[in-house]
């Protein structure tokens, strides 16, 4: 990490992956490899079609998620993590572990 705070790219990284449902989308795709839109929506109760679509588009634009459209009727669309997106797995795992430790710490302080 750059020692100069004004040159730190943590904020840049977070802009690409933070959103109410983005982490859930990435974790589902990392775990299940490939999912259709309806499967993703079913795996995340509470997400609206509009929000899921917006987050999938954002992640696709960042090169994290791949969208494959099959030319058939009705249309079939599948989502998966790109090779680039899969590099987030270690980071997400580390954040999960930190989150668990942080939650335990907060509970001990109550």
PDB file of N, CA and C in Angstrom:
ATOM      1  N   UNK A   1       0.847  -1.170   0.000  1.00  0.00           N
ATOM      2  CA  UNK A   1       0.000   0.000   0.000  1.00  0.00           C
ATOM      3  C   UNK A   1       0.894   1.235   0.000  1.00  0.00           C
ATOM      4  N   UNK A   2       0.514   2.221  -0.770  1.00  0.00           N
ATOM      5  CA  UNK A   2       1.236   3.479  -0.837  1.00  0.00           C
ATOM      6  C   UNK A   2       1.167   4.165   0.522  1.00  0.00           C
ATOM      7  N   UNK A   3       2.282   4.697   0.970  1.00  0.00           N
ATOM      8  CA  UNK A   3       2.333   5.326   2.294  1.00  0.00           C
ATOM      9  C   UNK A   3       1.710   6.710   2.306  1.00  0.00           C
ATOM     10  N   UNK A   4       1.426   7.259   1.142  1.00  0.00           N
ATOM     11  CA  UNK A   4       0.803   8.586   1.082  1.00  0.00           C
ATOM     12  C   UNK A   4      -0.711   8.420   1.020  1.00  0.00           C
ATOM     13  N   UNK A   5      -1.419   8.904   2.033  1.00  0.00           N
ATOM     14  CA  UNK A   5      -2.883   8.748   2.059  1.00  0.00           C
ATOM     15  C   UNK A   5      -3.590   9.317   0.833  1.00  0.00           C
ATOM     16  N   UNK A   6      -3.049  10.361   0.248  1.00  0.00           N
ATOM     17  CA  UNK A   6      -3.699  10.970  -0.913  1.00  0.00           C
ATOM     18  C   UNK A   6      -3.545  10.125  -2.165  1.00  0.00           C
ATOM     19  N   UNK A   7      -2.716   9.082  -2.105  1.00  0.00           N
ATOM     20  CA  UNK A   7      -2.507   8.214  -3.260  1.00  0.00           C
ATOM     21  C   UNK A   7      -3.078   6.814  -3.039  1.00  0.00           C
ATOM     22  N   UNK A   8      -3.796   6.612  -1.937  1.00  0.00           N
ATOM     23  CA  UNK A   8      -4.355   5.309  -1.604  1.00  0.00           C
ATOM     24  C   UNK A   8      -5.513   4.976  -2.548  1.00  0.00           C
ATOM     25  N   UNK A   9      -5.558   3.765  -3.018  1.00  0.00           N
ATOM     26  CA  UNK A   9      -6.580   3.345  -3.985  1.00  0.00           C
ATOM     27  C   UNK A   9      -7.665   2.469  -3.364  1.00  0.00           C
ATOM     28  N   UNK A  10      -7.742   2.438  -2.025  1.00  0.00           N
ATOM     29  CA  UNK A  10      -8.799   1.674  -1.362  1.00  0.00           C
ATOM     30  C   UNK A  10     -10.167   2.217  -1.779  1.00  0.00           C
ATOM     31  N   UNK A  11     -10.320   3.520  -1.807  1.00  0.00           N
ATOM     32  CA  UNK A  11     -11.601   4.118  -2.203  1.00  0.00           C
ATOM     33  C   UNK A  11     -11.960   3.727  -3.638  1.00  0.00           C
ATOM     34  N   UNK A  12     -10.971   3.681  -4.512  1.00  0.00           N
ATOM     35  CA  UNK A  12     -11.207   3.271  -5.899  1.00  0.00           C
ATOM     36  C   UNK A  12     -11.717   1.837  -5.946  1.00  0.00           C
ATOM     37  N   UNK A  13     -11.103   0.966  -5.172  1.00  0.00           N
ATOM     38  CA  UNK A  13     -11.523  -0.437  -5.131  1.00  0.00           C
ATOM     39  C   UNK A  13     -12.939  -0.552  -4.583  1.00  0.00           C
ATOM     40  N   UNK A  14     -13.216   0.166  -3.512  1.00  0.00           N
ATOM     41  CA  UNK A  14     -14.539   0.086  -2.900  1.00  0.00           C
ATOM     42  C   UNK A  14     -15.631   0.617  -3.821  1.00  0.00           C
ATOM     43  N   UNK A  15     -15.327   1.643  -4.603  1.00  0.00           N
ATOM     44  CA  UNK A  15     -16.319   2.171  -5.554  1.00  0.00           C
ATOM     45  C   UNK A  15     -16.777   1.093  -6.523  1.00  0.00           C
ATOM     46  N   UNK A  16     -15.887   0.193  -6.884  1.00  0.00           N
ATOM     47  CA  UNK A  16     -16.212  -0.853  -7.860  1.00  0.00           C
ATOM     48  C   UNK A  16     -17.055  -1.974  -7.260  1.00  0.00           C
ATOM     49  N   UNK A  17     -16.900  -2.249  -5.960  1.00  0.00           N
ATOM     50  CA  UNK A  17     -17.556  -3.428  -5.398  1.00  0.00           C
ATOM     51  C   UNK A  17     -18.617  -3.146  -4.346  1.00  0.00           C
ATOM     52  N   UNK A  18     -18.711  -1.905  -3.882  1.00  0.00           N
ATOM     53  CA  UNK A  18     -19.676  -1.620  -2.822  1.00  0.00           C
ATOM     54  C   UNK A  18     -21.010  -1.186  -3.411  1.00  0.00           C
ATOM     55  N   UNK A  19     -22.031  -1.772  -2.903  1.00  0.00           N
ATOM     56  CA  UNK A  19     -23.410  -1.490  -3.257  1.00  0.00           C
ATOM     57  C   UNK A  19     -24.237  -2.432  -2.410  1.00  0.00           C
ATOM     58  N   UNK A  20     -25.461  -2.090  -2.139  1.00  0.00           N
ATOM     59  CA  UNK A  20     -26.260  -2.890  -1.219  1.00  0.00           C
ATOM     60  C   UNK A  20     -26.254  -4.379  -1.563  1.00  0.00           C
ATOM     61  N   UNK A  21     -26.264  -4.722  -2.839  1.00  0.00           N
ATOM     62  CA  UNK A  21     -26.373  -6.122  -3.252  1.00  0.00           C
ATOM     63  C   UNK A  21     -25.145  -6.652  -3.989  1.00  0.00           C
ATOM     64  N   UNK A  22     -24.159  -5.817  -4.258  1.00  0.00           N
ATOM     65  CA  UNK A  22     -23.011  -6.254  -5.062  1.00  0.00           C
ATOM     66  C   UNK A  22     -22.223  -7.381  -4.404  1.00  0.00           C
ATOM     67  N   UNK A  23     -21.993  -7.273  -3.110  1.00  0.00           N
ATOM     68  CA  UNK A  23     -21.247  -8.325  -2.421  1.00  0.00           C
ATOM     69  C   UNK A  23     -22.016  -9.643  -2.504  1.00  0.00           C
ATOM     70  N   UNK A  24     -23.331  -9.581  -2.275  1.00  0.00           N
ATOM     71  CA  UNK A  24     -24.155 -10.795  -2.341  1.00  0.00           C
ATOM     72  C   UNK A  24     -24.117 -11.403  -3.745  1.00  0.00           C
ATOM     73  N   UNK A  25     -24.160 -10.569  -4.762  1.00  0.00           N
ATOM     74  CA  UNK A  25     -24.079 -11.060  -6.147  1.00  0.00           C
ATOM     75  C   UNK A  25     -22.758 -11.781  -6.354  1.00  0.00           C
ATOM     76  N   UNK A  26     -21.659 -11.133  -5.966  1.00  0.00           N
ATOM     77  CA  UNK A  26     -20.339 -11.728  -6.182  1.00  0.00           C
ATOM     78  C   UNK A  26     -20.174 -13.027  -5.402  1.00  0.00           C
ATOM     79  N   UNK A  27     -20.616 -13.052  -4.154  1.00  0.00           N
ATOM     80  CA  UNK A  27     -20.494 -14.271  -3.355  1.00  0.00           C
ATOM     81  C   UNK A  27     -21.318 -15.412  -3.943  1.00  0.00           C
ATOM     82  N   UNK A  28     -22.528 -15.108  -4.411  1.00  0.00           N
ATOM     83  CA  UNK A  28     -23.356 -16.137  -5.044  1.00  0.00           C
ATOM     84  C   UNK A  28     -22.689 -16.679  -6.303  1.00  0.00           C
ATOM     85  N   UNK A  29     -22.129 -15.800  -7.107  1.00  0.00           N
ATOM     86  CA  UNK A  29     -21.482 -16.252  -8.343  1.00  0.00           C
ATOM     87  C   UNK A  29     -20.180 -16.999  -8.066  1.00  0.00           C
ATOM     88  N   UNK A  30     -19.439 -16.573  -7.049  1.00  0.00           N
ATOM     89  CA  UNK A  30     -18.224 -17.300  -6.690  1.00  0.00           C
ATOM     90  C   UNK A  30     -18.560 -18.692  -6.183  1.00  0.00           C
ATOM     91  N   UNK A  31     -19.643 -18.812  -5.436  1.00  0.00           N
ATOM     92  CA  UNK A  31     -20.039 -20.100  -4.876  1.00  0.00           C
ATOM     93  C   UNK A  31     -20.705 -21.008  -5.914  1.00  0.00           C
ATOM     94  N   UNK A  32     -21.582 -20.445  -6.733  1.00  0.00           N
ATOM     95  CA  UNK A  32     -22.370 -21.239  -7.693  1.00  0.00           C
ATOM     96  C   UNK A  32     -21.806 -21.236  -9.109  1.00  0.00           C
ATOM     97  N   UNK A  33     -20.803 -20.445  -9.360  1.00  0.00           N
ATOM     98  CA  UNK A  33     -20.116 -20.327 -10.651  1.00  0.00           C
ATOM     99  C   UNK A  33     -20.948 -19.621 -11.716  1.00  0.00           C
ATOM    100  N   UNK A  34     -22.097 -20.156 -12.086  1.00  0.00           N
ATOM    101  CA  UNK A  34     -22.937 -19.553 -13.123  1.00  0.00           C
ATOM    102  C   UNK A  34     -24.379 -19.564 -12.642  1.00  0.00           C
ATOM    103  N   UNK A  35     -25.041 -18.413 -12.813  1.00  0.00           N
ATOM    104  CA  UNK A  35     -26.441 -18.323 -12.388  1.00  0.00           C
ATOM    105  C   UNK A  35     -27.225 -17.483 -13.388  1.00  0.00           C
ATOM    106  N   UNK A  36     -28.496 -17.798 -13.502  1.00  0.00           N
ATOM    107  CA  UNK A  36     -29.399 -17.003 -14.316  1.00  0.00           C
ATOM    108  C   UNK A  36     -29.970 -15.883 -13.440  1.00  0.00           C
ATOM    109  N   UNK A  37     -30.551 -14.871 -14.083  1.00  0.00           N
ATOM    110  CA  UNK A  37     -31.071 -13.712 -13.376  1.00  0.00           C
ATOM    111  C   UNK A  37     -32.056 -14.134 -12.280  1.00  0.00           C
ATOM    112  N   UNK A  38     -33.004 -15.001 -12.624  1.00  0.00           N
ATOM    113  CA  UNK A  38     -34.011 -15.447 -11.670  1.00  0.00           C
ATOM    114  C   UNK A  38     -33.411 -16.192 -10.490  1.00  0.00           C
ATOM    115  N   UNK A  39     -32.356 -16.965 -10.741  1.00  0.00           N
ATOM    116  CA  UNK A  39     -31.688 -17.681  -9.659  1.00  0.00           C
ATOM    117  C   UNK A  39     -31.010 -16.713  -8.702  1.00  0.00           C
ATOM    118  N   UNK A  40     -30.378 -15.689  -9.267  1.00  0.00           N
ATOM    119  CA  UNK A  40     -29.759 -14.668  -8.426  1.00  0.00           C
ATOM    120  C   UNK A  40     -30.812 -13.947  -7.591  1.00  0.00           C
ATOM    121  N   UNK A  41     -31.905 -13.591  -8.227  1.00  0.00           N
ATOM    122  CA  UNK A  41     -32.961 -12.876  -7.509  1.00  0.00           C
ATOM    123  C   UNK A  41     -33.537 -13.742  -6.390  1.00  0.00           C
ATOM    124  N   UNK A  42     -33.698 -15.019  -6.655  1.00  0.00           N
ATOM    125  CA  UNK A  42     -34.228 -15.946  -5.657  1.00  0.00           C
ATOM    126  C   UNK A  42     -33.245 -16.121  -4.498  1.00  0.00           C
ATOM    127  N   UNK A  43     -31.961 -16.083  -4.799  1.00  0.00           N
ATOM    128  CA  UNK A  43     -30.934 -16.252  -3.772  1.00  0.00           C
ATOM    129  C   UNK A  43     -30.800 -15.036  -2.865  1.00  0.00           C
ATOM    130  N   UNK A  44     -31.380 -13.903  -3.290  1.00  0.00           N
ATOM    131  CA  UNK A  44     -31.264 -12.663  -2.523  1.00  0.00           C
ATOM    132  C   UNK A  44     -32.646 -12.059  -2.270  1.00  0.00           C
ATOM    133  N   UNK A  45     -33.382 -12.634  -1.326  1.00  0.00           N
ATOM    134  CA  UNK A  45     -34.723 -12.103  -1.042  1.00  0.00           C
ATOM    135  C   UNK A  45     -34.645 -10.613  -0.696  1.00  0.00           C
ATOM    136  N   UNK A  46     -35.522  -9.866  -1.272  1.00  0.00           N
ATOM    137  CA  UNK A  46     -35.554  -8.434  -1.004  1.00  0.00           C
ATOM    138  C   UNK A  46     -34.984  -7.571  -2.113  1.00  0.00           C
ATOM    139  N   UNK A  47     -34.164  -8.151  -2.984  1.00  0.00           N
ATOM    140  CA  UNK A  47     -33.615  -7.362  -4.083  1.00  0.00           C
ATOM    141  C   UNK A  47     -34.689  -7.194  -5.155  1.00  0.00           C
ATOM    142  N   UNK A  48     -34.795  -5.983  -5.682  1.00  0.00           N
ATOM    143  CA  UNK A  48     -35.749  -5.739  -6.768  1.00  0.00           C
ATOM    144  C   UNK A  48     -35.079  -6.048  -8.102  1.00  0.00           C
ATOM    145  N   UNK A  49     -35.902  -6.290  -9.124  1.00  0.00           N
ATOM    146  CA  UNK A  49     -35.356  -6.540 -10.458  1.00  0.00           C
ATOM    147  C   UNK A  49     -34.527  -5.350 -10.923  1.00  0.00           C
ATOM    148  N   UNK A  50     -35.025  -4.149 -10.647  1.00  0.00           N
ATOM    149  CA  UNK A  50     -34.338  -2.926 -11.068  1.00  0.00           C
ATOM    150  C   UNK A  50     -32.961  -2.818 -10.403  1.00  0.00           C
ATOM    151  N   UNK A  51     -32.892  -3.075  -9.112  1.00  0.00           N
ATOM    152  CA  UNK A  51     -31.626  -2.964  -8.387  1.00  0.00           C
ATOM    153  C   UNK A  51     -30.654  -4.061  -8.806  1.00  0.00           C
ATOM    154  N   UNK A  52     -31.164  -5.297  -8.969  1.00  0.00           N
ATOM    155  CA  UNK A  52     -30.305  -6.391  -9.399  1.00  0.00           C
ATOM    156  C   UNK A  52     -29.734  -6.109 -10.785  1.00  0.00           C
ATOM    157  N   UNK A  53     -30.582  -5.626 -11.676  1.00  0.00           N
ATOM    158  CA  UNK A  53     -30.128  -5.278 -13.029  1.00  0.00           C
ATOM    159  C   UNK A  53     -29.056  -4.200 -12.977  1.00  0.00           C
ATOM    160  N   UNK A  54     -29.282  -3.164 -12.172  1.00  0.00           N
ATOM    161  CA  UNK A  54     -28.322  -2.056 -12.081  1.00  0.00           C
ATOM    162  C   UNK A  54     -26.976  -2.535 -11.535  1.00  0.00           C
ATOM    163  N   UNK A  55     -27.002  -3.350 -10.483  1.00  0.00           N
ATOM    164  CA  UNK A  55     -25.753  -3.833  -9.895  1.00  0.00           C
ATOM    165  C   UNK A  55     -25.035  -4.795 -10.834  1.00  0.00           C
ATOM    166  N   UNK A  56     -25.770  -5.651 -11.524  1.00  0.00           N
ATOM    167  CA  UNK A  56     -25.145  -6.554 -12.491  1.00  0.00           C
ATOM    168  C   UNK A  56     -24.482  -5.761 -13.616  1.00  0.00           C
ATOM    169  N   UNK A  57     -25.143  -4.717 -14.077  1.00  0.00           N
ATOM    170  CA  UNK A  57     -24.554  -3.873 -15.138  1.00  0.00           C
ATOM    171  C   UNK A  57     -23.288  -3.191 -14.645  1.00  0.00           C
ATOM    172  N   UNK A  58     -23.333  -2.658 -13.403  1.00  0.00           N
ATOM    173  CA  UNK A  58     -22.142  -2.018 -12.836  1.00  0.00           C
ATOM    174  C   UNK A  58     -20.975  -2.999 -12.763  1.00  0.00           C
ATOM    175  N   UNK A  59     -21.243  -4.186 -12.240  1.00  0.00           N
ATOM    176  CA  UNK A  59     -20.187  -5.190 -12.101  1.00  0.00           C
ATOM    177  C   UNK A  59     -19.677  -5.660 -13.462  1.00  0.00           C
ATOM    178  N   UNK A  60     -20.570  -5.705 -14.440  1.00  0.00           N
ATOM    179  CA  UNK A  60     -20.164  -6.076 -15.803  1.00  0.00           C
ATOM    180  C   UNK A  60     -19.270  -4.987 -16.399  1.00  0.00           C
ATOM    181  N   UNK A  61     -19.640  -3.734 -16.196  1.00  0.00           N
ATOM    182  CA  UNK A  61     -18.829  -2.623 -16.705  1.00  0.00           C
ATOM    183  C   UNK A  61     -17.441  -2.601 -16.082  1.00  0.00           C
ATOM    184  N   UNK A  62     -17.336  -3.024 -14.832  1.00  0.00           N
ATOM    185  CA  UNK A  62     -16.046  -3.070 -14.141  1.00  0.00           C
ATOM    186  C   UNK A  62     -15.221  -4.289 -14.547  1.00  0.00           C
ATOM    187  N   UNK A  63     -15.827  -5.208 -15.316  1.00  0.00           N
ATOM    188  CA  UNK A  63     -15.117  -6.405 -15.751  1.00  0.00           C
ATOM    189  C   UNK A  63     -15.085  -7.495 -14.695  1.00  0.00           C
ATOM    190  N   UNK A  64     -15.958  -7.384 -13.695  1.00  0.00           N
ATOM    191  CA  UNK A  64     -15.993  -8.336 -12.591  1.00  0.00           C
ATOM    192  C   UNK A  64     -16.945  -9.496 -12.895  1.00  0.00           C
ATOM    193  N   UNK A  65     -18.047  -9.173 -13.551  1.00  0.00           N
ATOM    194  CA  UNK A  65     -19.065 -10.175 -13.891  1.00  0.00           C
ATOM    195  C   UNK A  65     -19.187 -10.273 -15.403  1.00  0.00           C
ATOM    196  N   UNK A  66     -19.395 -11.491 -15.864  1.00  0.00           N
ATOM    197  CA  UNK A  66     -19.579 -11.743 -17.301  1.00  0.00           C
ATOM    198  C   UNK A  66     -21.042 -12.104 -17.538  1.00  0.00           C
ATOM    199  N   UNK A  67     -21.618 -11.528 -18.575  1.00  0.00           N
ATOM    200  CA  UNK A  67     -23.004 -11.793 -18.969  1.00  0.00           C
ATOM    201  C   UNK A  67     -22.978 -12.485 -20.322  1.00  0.00           C
ATOM    202  N   UNK A  68     -23.602 -13.656 -20.384  1.00  0.00           N
ATOM    203  CA  UNK A  68     -23.660 -14.410 -21.641  1.00  0.00           C
ATOM    204  C   UNK A  68     -25.128 -14.559 -22.030  1.00  0.00           C
ATOM    205  N   UNK A  69     -25.454 -14.107 -23.246  1.00  0.00           N
ATOM    206  CA  UNK A  69     -26.818 -14.206 -23.766  1.00  0.00           C
ATOM    207  C   UNK A  69     -26.842 -15.321 -24.799  1.00  0.00           C
ATOM    208  N   UNK A  70     -27.743 -16.266 -24.602  1.00  0.00           N
ATOM    209  CA  UNK A  70     -27.906 -17.367 -25.541  1.00  0.00           C
ATOM    210  C   UNK A  70     -29.022 -17.018 -26.519  1.00  0.00           C
ATOM    211  N   UNK A  71     -28.759 -17.138 -27.834  1.00  0.00           N
ATOM    212  CA  UNK A  71     -29.756 -16.761 -28.842  1.00  0.00           C
ATOM    213  C   UNK A  71     -30.857 -17.817 -28.967  1.00  0.00           C
ATOM    214  N   UNK A  72     -31.835 -17.706 -28.115  1.00  0.00           N
ATOM    215  CA  UNK A  72     -32.964 -18.632 -28.159  1.00  0.00           C
ATOM    216  C   UNK A  72     -34.207 -17.905 -27.667  1.00  0.00           C
ATOM    217  N   UNK A  73     -35.345 -18.525 -27.867  1.00  0.00           N
ATOM    218  CA  UNK A  73     -36.617 -17.957 -27.419  1.00  0.00           C
ATOM    219  C   UNK A  73     -37.220 -18.917 -26.411  1.00  0.00           C
ATOM    220  N   UNK A  74     -37.548 -18.475 -25.207  1.00  0.00           N
ATOM    221  CA  UNK A  74     -37.252 -17.147 -24.654  1.00  0.00           C
ATOM    222  C   UNK A  74     -35.755 -16.989 -24.404  1.00  0.00           C
ATOM    223  N   UNK A  75     -35.296 -15.729 -24.336  1.00  0.00           N
ATOM    224  CA  UNK A  75     -33.865 -15.490 -24.156  1.00  0.00           C
ATOM    225  C   UNK A  75     -33.343 -16.101 -22.857  1.00  0.00           C
ATOM    226  N   UNK A  76     -32.146 -16.627 -22.924  1.00  0.00           N
ATOM    227  CA  UNK A  76     -31.495 -17.190 -21.745  1.00  0.00           C
ATOM    228  C   UNK A  76     -30.227 -16.376 -21.505  1.00  0.00           C
ATOM    229  N   UNK A  77     -30.088 -15.865 -20.278  1.00  0.00           N
ATOM    230  CA  UNK A  77     -28.925 -15.063 -19.915  1.00  0.00           C
ATOM    231  C   UNK A  77     -28.305 -15.677 -18.669  1.00  0.00           C
ATOM    232  N   UNK A  78     -26.999 -15.866 -18.700  1.00  0.00           N
ATOM    233  CA  UNK A  78     -26.280 -16.402 -17.550  1.00  0.00           C
ATOM    234  C   UNK A  78     -25.205 -15.415 -17.109  1.00  0.00           C
ATOM    235  N   UNK A  79     -24.978 -15.391 -15.799  1.00  0.00           N
ATOM    236  CA  UNK A  79     -23.968 -14.523 -15.208  1.00  0.00           C
ATOM    237  C   UNK A  79     -22.937 -15.377 -14.493  1.00  0.00           C
ATOM    238  N   UNK A  80     -21.687 -14.960 -14.565  1.00  0.00           N
ATOM    239  CA  UNK A  80     -20.611 -15.630 -13.843  1.00  0.00           C
ATOM    240  C   UNK A  80     -19.527 -14.597 -13.557  1.00  0.00           C
ATOM    241  N   UNK A  81     -18.628 -14.968 -12.664  1.00  0.00           N
ATOM    242  CA  UNK A  81     -17.497 -14.094 -12.382  1.00  0.00           C
ATOM    243  C   UNK A  81     -16.487 -14.236 -13.510  1.00  0.00           C
ATOM    244  N   UNK A  82     -15.867 -13.147 -13.883  1.00  0.00           N
ATOM    245  CA  UNK A  82     -14.777 -13.214 -14.846  1.00  0.00           C
ATOM    246  C   UNK A  82     -13.533 -13.708 -14.110  1.00  0.00           C
ATOM    247  N   UNK A  83     -12.523 -14.039 -14.848  1.00  0.00           N
ATOM    248  CA  UNK A  83     -11.247 -14.437 -14.230  1.00  0.00           C
ATOM    249  C   UNK A  83     -10.743 -13.279 -13.361  1.00  0.00           C
ATOM    250  N   UNK A  84     -10.876 -12.085 -13.873  1.00  0.00           N
ATOM    251  CA  UNK A  84     -10.485 -10.880 -13.129  1.00  0.00           C
ATOM    252  C   UNK A  84     -11.320 -10.740 -11.856  1.00  0.00           C
ATOM    253  N   UNK A  85     -12.622 -10.941 -11.973  1.00  0.00           N
ATOM    254  CA  UNK A  85     -13.514 -10.840 -10.820  1.00  0.00           C
ATOM    255  C   UNK A  85     -13.205 -11.880  -9.767  1.00  0.00           C
ATOM    256  N   UNK A  86     -12.801 -13.057 -10.195  1.00  0.00           N
ATOM    257  CA  UNK A  86     -12.478 -14.139  -9.256  1.00  0.00           C
ATOM    258  C   UNK A  86     -11.299 -13.777  -8.359  1.00  0.00           C
ATOM    259  N   UNK A  87     -10.478 -12.814  -8.780  1.00  0.00           N
ATOM    260  CA  UNK A  87      -9.355 -12.387  -7.934  1.00  0.00           C
ATOM    261  C   UNK A  87      -9.851 -11.704  -6.662  1.00  0.00           C
ATOM    262  N   UNK A  88     -11.112 -11.331  -6.610  1.00  0.00           N
ATOM    263  CA  UNK A  88     -11.683 -10.718  -5.410  1.00  0.00           C
ATOM    264  C   UNK A  88     -11.984 -11.744  -4.315  1.00  0.00           C
ATOM    265  N   UNK A  89     -11.962 -13.018  -4.636  1.00  0.00           N
ATOM    266  CA  UNK A  89     -12.333 -14.043  -3.665  1.00  0.00           C
ATOM    267  C   UNK A  89     -11.491 -13.954  -2.390  1.00  0.00           C
ATOM    268  N   UNK A  90     -10.200 -13.808  -2.515  1.00  0.00           N
ATOM    269  CA  UNK A  90      -9.321 -13.715  -1.349  1.00  0.00           C
ATOM    270  C   UNK A  90      -9.631 -12.461  -0.535  1.00  0.00           C
ATOM    271  N   UNK A  91      -9.871 -11.371  -1.223  1.00  0.00           N
ATOM    272  CA  UNK A  91     -10.187 -10.110  -0.541  1.00  0.00           C
ATOM    273  C   UNK A  91     -11.511 -10.224   0.198  1.00  0.00           C
ATOM    274  N   UNK A  92     -12.517 -10.791  -0.451  1.00  0.00           N
ATOM    275  CA  UNK A  92     -13.819 -10.954   0.183  1.00  0.00           C
ATOM    276  C   UNK A  92     -13.724 -11.882   1.389  1.00  0.00           C
ATOM    277  N   UNK A  93     -12.913 -12.926   1.287  1.00  0.00           N
ATOM    278  CA  UNK A  93     -12.710 -13.840   2.414  1.00  0.00           C
ATOM    279  C   UNK A  93     -12.051 -13.093   3.580  1.00  0.00           C
ATOM    280  N   UNK A  94     -11.051 -12.295   3.290  1.00  0.00           N
ATOM    281  CA  UNK A  94     -10.375 -11.519   4.340  1.00  0.00           C
ATOM    282  C   UNK A  94     -11.337 -10.528   4.984  1.00  0.00           C
ATOM    283  N   UNK A  95     -12.156  -9.884   4.182  1.00  0.00           N
ATOM    284  CA  UNK A  95     -13.147  -8.949   4.725  1.00  0.00           C
ATOM    285  C   UNK A  95     -14.168  -9.673   5.590  1.00  0.00           C
ATOM    286  N   UNK A  96     -14.549 -10.888   5.188  1.00  0.00           N
ATOM    287  CA  UNK A  96     -15.475 -11.692   5.987  1.00  0.00           C
ATOM    288  C   UNK A  96     -14.862 -11.994   7.355  1.00  0.00           C
ATOM    289  N   UNK A  97     -13.615 -12.421   7.358  1.00  0.00           N
ATOM    290  CA  UNK A  97     -12.944 -12.734   8.619  1.00  0.00           C
ATOM    291  C   UNK A  97     -12.824 -11.490   9.496  1.00  0.00           C
ATOM    292  N   UNK A  98     -12.487 -10.364   8.897  1.00  0.00           N
ATOM    293  CA  UNK A  98     -12.398  -9.125   9.660  1.00  0.00           C
ATOM    294  C   UNK A  98     -13.764  -8.754  10.218  1.00  0.00           C
ATOM    295  N   UNK A  99     -14.798  -8.918   9.414  1.00  0.00           N
ATOM    296  CA  UNK A  99     -16.163  -8.621   9.858  1.00  0.00           C
ATOM    297  C   UNK A  99     -16.580  -9.477  11.039  1.00  0.00           C
ATOM    298  N   UNK A 100     -16.239 -10.775  11.002  1.00  0.00           N
ATOM    299  CA  UNK A 100     -16.543 -11.653  12.129  1.00  0.00           C
ATOM    300  C   UNK A 100     -15.831 -11.185  13.392  1.00  0.00           C
ATOM    301  N   UNK A 101     -14.544 -10.867  13.273  1.00  0.00           N
ATOM    302  CA  UNK A 101     -13.772 -10.391  14.428  1.00  0.00           C
ATOM    303  C   UNK A 101     -14.333  -9.083  14.958  1.00  0.00           C
ATOM    304  N   UNK A 102     -14.699  -8.214  14.055  1.00  0.00           N
ATOM    305  CA  UNK A 102     -15.246  -6.911  14.452  1.00  0.00           C
ATOM    306  C   UNK A 102     -16.577  -7.083  15.174  1.00  0.00           C
ATOM    307  N   UNK A 103     -17.413  -7.962  14.670  1.00  0.00           N
ATOM    308  CA  UNK A 103     -18.705  -8.213  15.309  1.00  0.00           C
ATOM    309  C   UNK A 103     -18.512  -8.790  16.711  1.00  0.00           C
ATOM    310  N   UNK A 104     -17.600  -9.754  16.842  1.00  0.00           N
ATOM    311  CA  UNK A 104     -17.307 -10.324  18.161  1.00  0.00           C
ATOM    312  C   UNK A 104     -16.801  -9.250  19.118  1.00  0.00           C
ATOM    313  N   UNK A 105     -15.942  -8.387  18.630  1.00  0.00           N
ATOM    314  CA  UNK A 105     -15.400  -7.285  19.452  1.00  0.00           C
ATOM    315  C   UNK A 105     -16.532  -6.373  19.925  1.00  0.00           C
ATOM    316  N   UNK A 106     -17.416  -6.021  19.018  1.00  0.00           N
ATOM    317  CA  UNK A 106     -18.543  -5.147  19.395  1.00  0.00           C
ATOM    318  C   UNK A 106     -19.441  -5.805  20.414  1.00  0.00           C
ATOM    319  N   UNK A 107     -19.675  -7.111  20.257  1.00  0.00           N
ATOM    320  CA  UNK A 107     -20.520  -7.817  21.197  1.00  0.00           C
ATOM    321  C   UNK A 107     -19.883  -7.880  22.590  1.00  0.00           C
ATOM    322  N   UNK A 108     -18.550  -8.038  22.641  1.00  0.00           N
ATOM    323  CA  UNK A 108     -17.855  -8.065  23.929  1.00  0.00           C
ATOM    324  C   UNK A 108     -17.918  -6.698  24.623  1.00  0.00           C
ATOM    325  N   UNK A 109     -18.009  -5.639  23.852  1.00  0.00           N
ATOM    326  CA  UNK A 109     -18.018  -4.289  24.420  1.00  0.00           C
ATOM    327  C   UNK A 109     -19.385  -3.880  24.954  1.00  0.00           C
ATOM    328  N   UNK A 110     -20.396  -4.640  24.642  1.00  0.00           N
ATOM    329  CA  UNK A 110     -21.762  -4.283  25.096  1.00  0.00           C
ATOM    330  C   UNK A 110     -21.982  -4.628  26.538  1.00  0.00           C
TER     331      UNK A 110
END
